[in-house]
PDB file of N, CA and C in Angstrom:
ATOM      1  N   MET A   1     -39.074 158.324  95.341  1.00  0.00           N
ATOM      2  CA  MET A   1     -38.713 159.629  94.415  1.00  0.00           C
ATOM      3  C   MET A   1     -37.216 159.690  94.444  1.00  0.00           C
ATOM      4  N   ALA A   2     -36.662 160.041  93.494  1.00  0.00           N
ATOM      5  CA  ALA A   2     -35.119 160.214  93.549  1.00  0.00           C
ATOM      6  C   ALA A   2     -35.090 161.817  94.254  1.00  0.00           C
ATOM      7  N   ARG A   3     -34.050 162.041  95.101  1.00  0.00           N
ATOM      8  CA  ARG A   3     -34.157 163.388  95.119  1.00  0.00           C
ATOM      9  C   ARG A   3     -32.825 163.853  94.859  1.00  0.00           C
ATOM     10  N   GLY A   4     -33.508 165.605  94.448  1.00  0.00           N
ATOM     11  CA  GLY A   4     -32.856 165.610  92.978  1.00  0.00           C
ATOM     12  C   GLY A   4     -30.944 166.663  93.746  1.00  0.00           C
ATOM     13  N   TRP A   5     -30.436 167.289  92.870  1.00  0.00           N
ATOM     14  CA  TRP A   5     -29.046 167.597  93.289  1.00  0.00           C
ATOM     15  C   TRP A   5     -29.123 168.637  93.723  1.00  0.00           C
ATOM     16  N   GLU A   6     -30.023 169.677  94.198  1.00  0.00           N
ATOM     17  CA  GLU A   6     -29.856 170.744  95.285  1.00  0.00           C
ATOM     18  C   GLU A   6     -30.100 170.371  96.655  1.00  0.00           C
ATOM     19  N   SER A   7     -30.937 169.125  96.916  1.00  0.00           N
ATOM     20  CA  SER A   7     -31.138 168.721  97.854  1.00  0.00           C
ATOM     21  C   SER A   7     -30.068 167.412  98.893  1.00  0.00           C
ATOM     22  N   LYS A   8     -29.064 167.221  97.767  1.00  0.00           N
ATOM     23  CA  LYS A   8     -28.076 166.783  97.944  1.00  0.00           C
ATOM     24  C   LYS A   8     -26.917 167.523  97.897  1.00  0.00           C
ATOM     25  N   SER A   9     -27.106 168.948  97.704  1.00  0.00           N
ATOM     26  CA  SER A   9     -25.966 169.834  97.821  1.00  0.00           C
ATOM     27  C   SER A   9     -26.170 170.137  99.477  1.00  0.00           C
ATOM     28  N   VAL A  10     -27.434 170.678 100.040  1.00  0.00           N
ATOM     29  CA  VAL A  10     -27.705 171.628 100.903  1.00  0.00           C
ATOM     30  C   VAL A  10     -27.181 169.615 101.775  1.00  0.00           C
ATOM     31  N   GLU A  11     -27.374 168.639 101.501  1.00  0.00           N
ATOM     32  CA  GLU A  11     -26.996 167.873 102.473  1.00  0.00           C
ATOM     33  C   GLU A  11     -25.429 167.823 102.734  1.00  0.00           C
ATOM     34  N   ALA A  12     -25.124 167.685 102.061  1.00  0.00           N
ATOM     35  CA  ALA A  12     -23.282 167.725 101.921  1.00  0.00           C
ATOM     36  C   ALA A  12     -22.627 169.372 102.678  1.00  0.00           C
ATOM     37  N   GLN A  13     -23.204 169.823 102.563  1.00  0.00           N
ATOM     38  CA  GLN A  13     -22.980 171.289 102.475  1.00  0.00           C
ATOM     39  C   GLN A  13     -23.097 171.633 104.958  1.00  0.00           C
ATOM     40  N   GLN A  14     -24.186 170.578 105.365  1.00  0.00           N
ATOM     41  CA  GLN A  14     -24.466 170.253 106.731  1.00  0.00           C
ATOM     42  C   GLN A  14     -23.904 169.428 106.878  1.00  0.00           C
ATOM     43  N   GLU A  15     -23.398 168.476 106.016  1.00  0.00           N
ATOM     44  CA  GLU A  15     -22.167 167.700 106.984  1.00  0.00           C
ATOM     45  C   GLU A  15     -21.138 168.423 107.029  1.00  0.00           C
ATOM     46  N   ASN A  16     -20.783 169.293 105.936  1.00  0.00           N
ATOM     47  CA  ASN A  16     -19.486 169.416 106.102  1.00  0.00           C
ATOM     48  C   ASN A  16     -19.509 170.498 107.683  1.00  0.00           C
ATOM     49  N   ALA A  17     -20.674 170.928 107.513  1.00  0.00           N
ATOM     50  CA  ALA A  17     -20.655 172.222 108.389  1.00  0.00           C
ATOM     51  C   ALA A  17     -20.627 171.351 110.178  1.00  0.00           C
ATOM     52  N   LYS A  18     -21.223 170.541 110.461  1.00  0.00           N
ATOM     53  CA  LYS A  18     -20.893 169.139 111.203  1.00  0.00           C
ATOM     54  C   LYS A  18     -19.900 169.211 111.581  1.00  0.00           C
ATOM     55  N   ASP A  19     -18.861 168.957 110.767  1.00  0.00           N
ATOM     56  CA  ASP A  19     -17.674 168.468 110.666  1.00  0.00           C
ATOM     57  C   ASP A  19     -16.793 169.253 110.961  1.00  0.00           C
ATOM     58  N   GLY A  20     -16.767 170.571 110.521  1.00  0.00           N
ATOM     59  CA  GLY A  20     -15.989 171.970 110.616  1.00  0.00           C
ATOM     60  C   GLY A  20     -15.271 171.482 109.853  1.00  0.00           C
ATOM     61  N   LYS A  21     -15.929 171.304 108.308  1.00  0.00           N
ATOM     62  CA  LYS A  21     -14.883 171.243 107.341  1.00  0.00           C
ATOM     63  C   LYS A  21     -15.212 172.282 106.047  1.00  0.00           C
ATOM     64  N   ALA A  22     -14.540 172.527 105.469  1.00  0.00           N
ATOM     65  CA  ALA A  22     -14.419 173.586 104.346  1.00  0.00           C
ATOM     66  C   ALA A  22     -15.170 172.737 103.434  1.00  0.00           C
ATOM     67  N   PRO A  23     -15.721 173.753 102.005  1.00  0.00           N
ATOM     68  CA  PRO A  23     -16.288 172.616 101.053  1.00  0.00           C
ATOM     69  C   PRO A  23     -14.899 171.876 100.131  1.00  0.00           C
ATOM     70  N   GLY A  24     -13.693 172.125 100.138  1.00  0.00           N
ATOM     71  CA  GLY A  24     -13.220 171.345 100.172  1.00  0.00           C
ATOM     72  C   GLY A  24     -12.457 170.002 100.854  1.00  0.00           C
ATOM     73  N   GLY A  25     -13.771 170.096 101.604  1.00  0.00           N
ATOM     74  CA  GLY A  25     -13.181 168.982 102.639  1.00  0.00           C
ATOM     75  C   GLY A  25     -11.924 169.332 103.141  1.00  0.00           C
ATOM     76  N   GLN A  26     -11.518 170.413 103.867  1.00  0.00           N
ATOM     77  CA  GLN A  26     -10.137 170.882 104.750  1.00  0.00           C
ATOM     78  C   GLN A  26     -11.123 171.142 106.134  1.00  0.00           C
ATOM     79  N   VAL A  27      -9.901 170.729 106.941  1.00  0.00           N
ATOM     80  CA  VAL A  27     -11.134 170.943 108.548  1.00  0.00           C
ATOM     81  C   VAL A  27     -10.322 173.040 108.684  1.00  0.00           C
ATOM     82  N   LEU A  28     -11.440 173.291 108.965  1.00  0.00           N
ATOM     83  CA  LEU A  28     -11.016 174.714 109.606  1.00  0.00           C
ATOM     84  C   LEU A  28     -10.625 174.935 111.241  1.00  0.00           C
ATOM     85  N   SER A  29     -10.074 175.895 111.298  1.00  0.00           N
ATOM     86  CA  SER A  29      -9.701 176.219 112.357  1.00  0.00           C
ATOM     87  C   SER A  29     -11.250 177.273 113.049  1.00  0.00           C
ATOM     88  N   GLU A  30     -11.110 176.419 114.372  1.00  0.00           N
ATOM     89  CA  GLU A  30     -12.317 177.857 115.095  1.00  0.00           C
ATOM     90  C   GLU A  30     -11.983 179.175 115.064  1.00  0.00           C
ATOM     91  N   GLU A  31     -11.130 179.644 114.377  1.00  0.00           N
ATOM     92  CA  GLU A  31     -11.465 180.994 113.932  1.00  0.00           C
ATOM     93  C   GLU A  31     -11.936 181.405 112.399  1.00  0.00           C
ATOM     94  N   GLU A  32     -11.664 180.221 112.056  1.00  0.00           N
ATOM     95  CA  GLU A  32     -11.994 180.228 110.435  1.00  0.00           C
ATOM     96  C   GLU A  32     -13.662 180.185 110.342  1.00  0.00           C
ATOM     97  N   ARG A  33     -14.170 179.388 111.724  1.00  0.00           N
ATOM     98  CA  ARG A  33     -15.524 178.755 111.530  1.00  0.00           C
ATOM     99  C   ARG A  33     -16.345 180.054 112.280  1.00  0.00           C
ATOM    100  N   LYS A  34     -15.777 181.009 112.916  1.00  0.00           N
ATOM    101  CA  LYS A  34     -16.386 181.805 113.676  1.00  0.00           C
ATOM    102  C   LYS A  34     -16.338 182.944 112.523  1.00  0.00           C
ATOM    103  N   ARG A  35     -15.289 183.354 111.435  1.00  0.00           N
ATOM    104  CA  ARG A  35     -15.201 184.186 110.549  1.00  0.00           C
ATOM    105  C   ARG A  35     -16.319 183.645 109.261  1.00  0.00           C
ATOM    106  N   LYS A  36     -16.543 182.606 109.109  1.00  0.00           N
ATOM    107  CA  LYS A  36     -17.374 182.037 107.950  1.00  0.00           C
ATOM    108  C   LYS A  36     -18.895 182.014 108.625  1.00  0.00           C
ATOM    109  N   ARG A  37     -19.051 182.229 110.081  1.00  0.00           N
ATOM    110  CA  ARG A  37     -20.105 181.706 110.588  1.00  0.00           C
ATOM    111  C   ARG A  37     -20.690 183.523 110.116  1.00  0.00           C
ATOM    112  N   GLU A  38     -19.679 184.584 110.513  1.00  0.00           N
ATOM    113  CA  GLU A  38     -19.817 186.214 110.667  1.00  0.00           C
ATOM    114  C   GLU A  38     -20.397 186.505 108.966  1.00  0.00           C
ATOM    115  N   ARG A  39     -19.742 186.030 107.992  1.00  0.00           N
ATOM    116  CA  ARG A  39     -20.025 185.964 106.372  1.00  0.00           C
ATOM    117  C   ARG A  39     -21.155 185.465 105.825  1.00  0.00           C
ATOM    118  N   ASP A  40     -21.709 184.250 106.745  1.00  0.00           N
ATOM    119  CA  ASP A  40     -22.988 184.150 106.832  1.00  0.00           C
ATOM    120  C   ASP A  40     -24.087 184.921 106.897  1.00  0.00           C
ATOM    121  N   GLY A  41     -24.030 185.599 107.901  1.00  0.00           N
ATOM    122  CA  GLY A  41     -24.729 186.131 109.175  1.00  0.00           C
ATOM    123  C   GLY A  41     -24.665 187.378 108.184  1.00  0.00           C
ATOM    124  N   LEU A  42     -23.777 188.111 107.788  1.00  0.00           N
ATOM    125  CA  LEU A  42     -23.817 189.154 107.241  1.00  0.00           C
ATOM    126  C   LEU A  42     -24.530 189.191 105.460  1.00  0.00           C
ATOM    127  N   ARG A  43     -24.069 187.850 105.137  1.00  0.00           N
ATOM    128  CA  ARG A  43     -24.825 188.268 103.851  1.00  0.00           C
ATOM    129  C   ARG A  43     -26.453 187.864 103.945  1.00  0.00           C
ATOM    130  N   LEU A  44     -26.774 187.303 104.825  1.00  0.00           N
ATOM    131  CA  LEU A  44     -28.247 187.009 105.158  1.00  0.00           C
ATOM    132  C   LEU A  44     -28.674 188.376 105.666  1.00  0.00           C
ATOM    133  N   SER A  45     -28.272 189.066 106.450  1.00  0.00           N
ATOM    134  CA  SER A  45     -28.481 190.132 106.684  1.00  0.00           C
ATOM    135  C   SER A  45     -29.044 191.141 105.046  1.00  0.00           C
ATOM    136  N   ARG A  46     -27.624 191.003 104.442  1.00  0.00           N
ATOM    137  CA  ARG A  46     -27.808 191.718 103.453  1.00  0.00           C
ATOM    138  C   ARG A  46     -28.948 191.297 102.415  1.00  0.00           C
ATOM    139  N   THR A  47     -29.465 190.061 102.297  1.00  0.00           N
ATOM    140  CA  THR A  47     -30.031 189.724 101.249  1.00  0.00           C
ATOM    141  C   THR A  47     -31.843 190.576 101.789  1.00  0.00           C
ATOM    142  N   TYR A  48     -31.772 190.228 103.432  1.00  0.00           N
ATOM    143  CA  TYR A  48     -32.761 190.497 103.557  1.00  0.00           C
ATOM    144  C   TYR A  48     -33.178 192.075 103.529  1.00  0.00           C
ATOM    145  N   ILE A  49     -32.057 192.895 103.674  1.00  0.00           N
ATOM    146  CA  ILE A  49     -32.166 194.403 103.774  1.00  0.00           C
ATOM    147  C   ILE A  49     -32.486 194.731 102.223  1.00  0.00           C
ATOM    148  N   LEU A  50     -31.661 194.115 101.405  1.00  0.00           N
ATOM    149  CA  LEU A  50     -32.628 194.186 100.083  1.00  0.00           C
ATOM    150  C   LEU A  50     -33.369 193.754  99.600  1.00  0.00           C
ATOM    151  N   HIS A  51     -33.879 192.754 100.198  1.00  0.00           N
ATOM    152  CA  HIS A  51     -35.757 192.697 100.039  1.00  0.00           C
ATOM    153  C   HIS A  51     -36.572 193.762 100.302  1.00  0.00           C
ATOM    154  N   GLN A  52     -36.190 194.238 101.638  1.00  0.00           N
ATOM    155  CA  GLN A  52     -36.448 195.009 102.624  1.00  0.00           C
ATOM    156  C   GLN A  52     -36.975 196.574 101.097  1.00  0.00           C
ATOM    157  N   ILE A  53     -35.285 196.910 101.394  1.00  0.00           N
ATOM    158  CA  ILE A  53     -35.097 198.922 100.469  1.00  0.00           C
ATOM    159  C   ILE A  53     -36.123 197.602  98.824  1.00  0.00           C
ATOM    160  N   GLU A  54     -36.377 197.036  98.386  1.00  0.00           N
ATOM    161  CA  GLU A  54     -36.953 196.770  97.206  1.00  0.00           C
ATOM    162  C   GLU A  54     -38.505 197.105  97.516  1.00  0.00           C
ATOM    163  N   SER A  55     -39.145 196.607  98.745  1.00  0.00           N
ATOM    164  CA  SER A  55     -40.054 196.828  99.044  1.00  0.00           C
ATOM    165  C   SER A  55     -41.015 197.915  99.667  1.00  0.00           C
ATOM    166  N   SER A  56     -40.674 198.670  99.910  1.00  0.00           N
ATOM    167  CA  SER A  56     -39.744 199.576 101.102  1.00  0.00           C
ATOM    168  C   SER A  56     -40.474 200.918 100.238  1.00  0.00           C
ATOM    169  N   SER A  57     -41.425 201.346 100.620  1.00  0.00           N
ATOM    170  CA  SER A  57     -42.582 202.366 100.272  1.00  0.00           C
ATOM    171  C   SER A  57     -41.928 203.779 101.053  1.00  0.00           C
ATOM    172  N   ASN A  58     -41.357 203.885 101.960  1.00  0.00           N
ATOM    173  CA  ASN A  58     -41.181 204.957 102.703  1.00  0.00           C
ATOM    174  C   ASN A  58     -39.888 205.473 102.803  1.00  0.00           C
ATOM    175  N   GLU A  59     -39.721 206.374 102.198  1.00  0.00           N
ATOM    176  CA  GLU A  59     -38.151 207.097 101.536  1.00  0.00           C
ATOM    177  C   GLU A  59     -37.179 207.099 102.742  1.00  0.00           C
ATOM    178  N   ARG A  60     -37.764 207.504 103.851  1.00  0.00           N
ATOM    179  CA  ARG A  60     -36.636 207.599 105.384  1.00  0.00           C
ATOM    180  C   ARG A  60     -36.380 206.260 105.521  1.00  0.00           C
ATOM    181  N   TYR A  61     -37.154 205.448 105.568  1.00  0.00           N
ATOM    182  CA  TYR A  61     -37.106 204.009 105.947  1.00  0.00           C
ATOM    183  C   TYR A  61     -35.483 203.438 105.004  1.00  0.00           C
ATOM    184  N   THR A  62     -36.336 203.820 103.819  1.00  0.00           N
ATOM    185  CA  THR A  62     -35.208 203.121 102.735  1.00  0.00           C
ATOM    186  C   THR A  62     -34.228 203.828 103.049  1.00  0.00           C
ATOM    187  N   GLU A  63     -33.650 204.975 103.208  1.00  0.00           N
ATOM    188  CA  GLU A  63     -32.561 205.758 103.348  1.00  0.00           C
ATOM    189  C   GLU A  63     -31.766 205.415 104.668  1.00  0.00           C
ATOM    190  N   THR A  64     -32.449 204.096 105.634  1.00  0.00           N
ATOM    191  CA  THR A  64     -32.211 204.199 106.978  1.00  0.00           C
ATOM    192  C   THR A  64     -31.305 202.562 106.328  1.00  0.00           C
ATOM    193  N   LEU A  65     -32.071 202.101 105.459  1.00  0.00           N
ATOM    194  CA  LEU A  65     -31.990 200.756 104.869  1.00  0.00           C
ATOM    195  C   LEU A  65     -30.738 200.733 104.129  1.00  0.00           C
ATOM    196  N   ARG A  66     -30.303 201.253 103.517  1.00  0.00           N
ATOM    197  CA  ARG A  66     -29.747 201.725 102.267  1.00  0.00           C
ATOM    198  C   ARG A  66     -28.292 202.295 103.537  1.00  0.00           C
ATOM    199  N   LYS A  67     -28.078 202.898 104.412  1.00  0.00           N
ATOM    200  CA  LYS A  67     -27.149 203.206 105.316  1.00  0.00           C
ATOM    201  C   LYS A  67     -26.511 201.223 106.055  1.00  0.00           C
ATOM    202  N   ALA A  68     -27.494 200.722 106.850  1.00  0.00           N
ATOM    203  CA  ALA A  68     -27.223 199.454 106.900  1.00  0.00           C
ATOM    204  C   ALA A  68     -26.662 198.322 106.190  1.00  0.00           C
ATOM    205  N   LEU A  69     -27.104 198.951 104.621  1.00  0.00           N
ATOM    206  CA  LEU A  69     -26.396 197.922 103.543  1.00  0.00           C
ATOM    207  C   LEU A  69     -25.068 198.348 103.333  1.00  0.00           C
ATOM    208  N   SER A  70     -24.999 199.908 103.074  1.00  0.00           N
ATOM    209  CA  SER A  70     -23.604 200.185 103.428  1.00  0.00           C
ATOM    210  C   SER A  70     -22.592 199.661 104.851  1.00  0.00           C
ATOM    211  N   GLU A  71     -23.185 199.694 105.651  1.00  0.00           N
ATOM    212  CA  GLU A  71     -22.467 198.970 106.961  1.00  0.00           C
ATOM    213  C   GLU A  71     -21.747 197.393 106.333  1.00  0.00           C
ATOM    214  N   ILE A  72     -22.738 196.601 106.209  1.00  0.00           N
ATOM    215  CA  ILE A  72     -22.479 195.674 106.024  1.00  0.00           C
ATOM    216  C   ILE A  72     -22.009 195.228 104.912  1.00  0.00           C
ATOM    217  N   GLU A  73     -21.647 195.869 103.810  1.00  0.00           N
ATOM    218  CA  GLU A  73     -20.959 195.705 102.179  1.00  0.00           C
ATOM    219  C   GLU A  73     -19.625 196.022 102.792  1.00  0.00           C
ATOM    220  N   GLN A  74     -19.241 196.948 104.456  1.00  0.00           N
ATOM    221  CA  GLN A  74     -17.943 197.623 104.698  1.00  0.00           C
ATOM    222  C   GLN A  74     -17.520 196.447 105.344  1.00  0.00           C
ATOM    223  N   LYS A  75     -18.248 195.499 106.267  1.00  0.00           N
ATOM    224  CA  LYS A  75     -18.134 194.945 107.136  1.00  0.00           C
ATOM    225  C   LYS A  75     -17.550 193.689 106.233  1.00  0.00           C
ATOM    226  N   LEU A  76     -18.144 192.925 105.244  1.00  0.00           N
ATOM    227  CA  LEU A  76     -18.346 191.906 104.252  1.00  0.00           C
ATOM    228  C   LEU A  76     -16.801 192.209 103.607  1.00  0.00           C
ATOM    229  N   GLU A  77     -16.296 193.174 103.191  1.00  0.00           N
ATOM    230  CA  GLU A  77     -14.904 193.813 102.392  1.00  0.00           C
ATOM    231  C   GLU A  77     -13.851 193.368 103.723  1.00  0.00           C
ATOM    232  N   GLN A  78     -14.390 194.175 104.853  1.00  0.00           N
ATOM    233  CA  GLN A  78     -13.110 193.745 105.919  1.00  0.00           C
ATOM    234  C   GLN A  78     -12.954 192.004 106.104  1.00  0.00           C
ATOM    235  N   LEU A  79     -13.754 191.233 106.064  1.00  0.00           N
ATOM    236  CA  LEU A  79     -13.778 190.690 106.105  1.00  0.00           C
ATOM    237  C   LEU A  79     -13.251 189.194 104.922  1.00  0.00           C
ATOM    238  N   GLY A  80     -12.766 190.344 104.259  1.00  0.00           N
ATOM    239  CA  GLY A  80     -12.122 189.943 102.766  1.00  0.00           C
ATOM    240  C   GLY A  80     -13.128 188.982 101.570  1.00  0.00           C
ATOM    241  N   GLU A  81     -14.159 189.374 101.795  1.00  0.00           N
ATOM    242  CA  GLU A  81     -15.166 189.049 100.737  1.00  0.00           C
ATOM    243  C   GLU A  81     -15.603 190.268  99.694  1.00  0.00           C
ATOM    244  N   SER A  82     -14.852 189.960  98.107  1.00  0.00           N
ATOM    245  CA  SER A  82     -16.010 190.750  97.300  1.00  0.00           C
ATOM    246  C   SER A  82     -17.277 190.760  96.930  1.00  0.00           C
ATOM    247  N   ARG A  83     -17.719 192.167  96.472  1.00  0.00           N
ATOM    248  CA  ARG A  83     -19.004 191.541  96.185  1.00  0.00           C
ATOM    249  C   ARG A  83     -19.293 190.485  94.651  1.00  0.00           C
TER     250      ARG A  83
END
């Protein structure tokens, strides 16, 4: 069975991560890898919080989630990523 484009892309991303390379093939410094891991973690947290906000029926919990989302978005902006 032929592998799809998506799985090849994921495989390439995993190989680049192992090698410490950016998608363009350039080698990342330790500081750049650290910032990338932090951005990736923040993006993942942002996605999770957005999902929780969508499924929440408790307004107090939703407000807490919105505050957390705001903090994550501020951190992403500080790292140089726009929405």
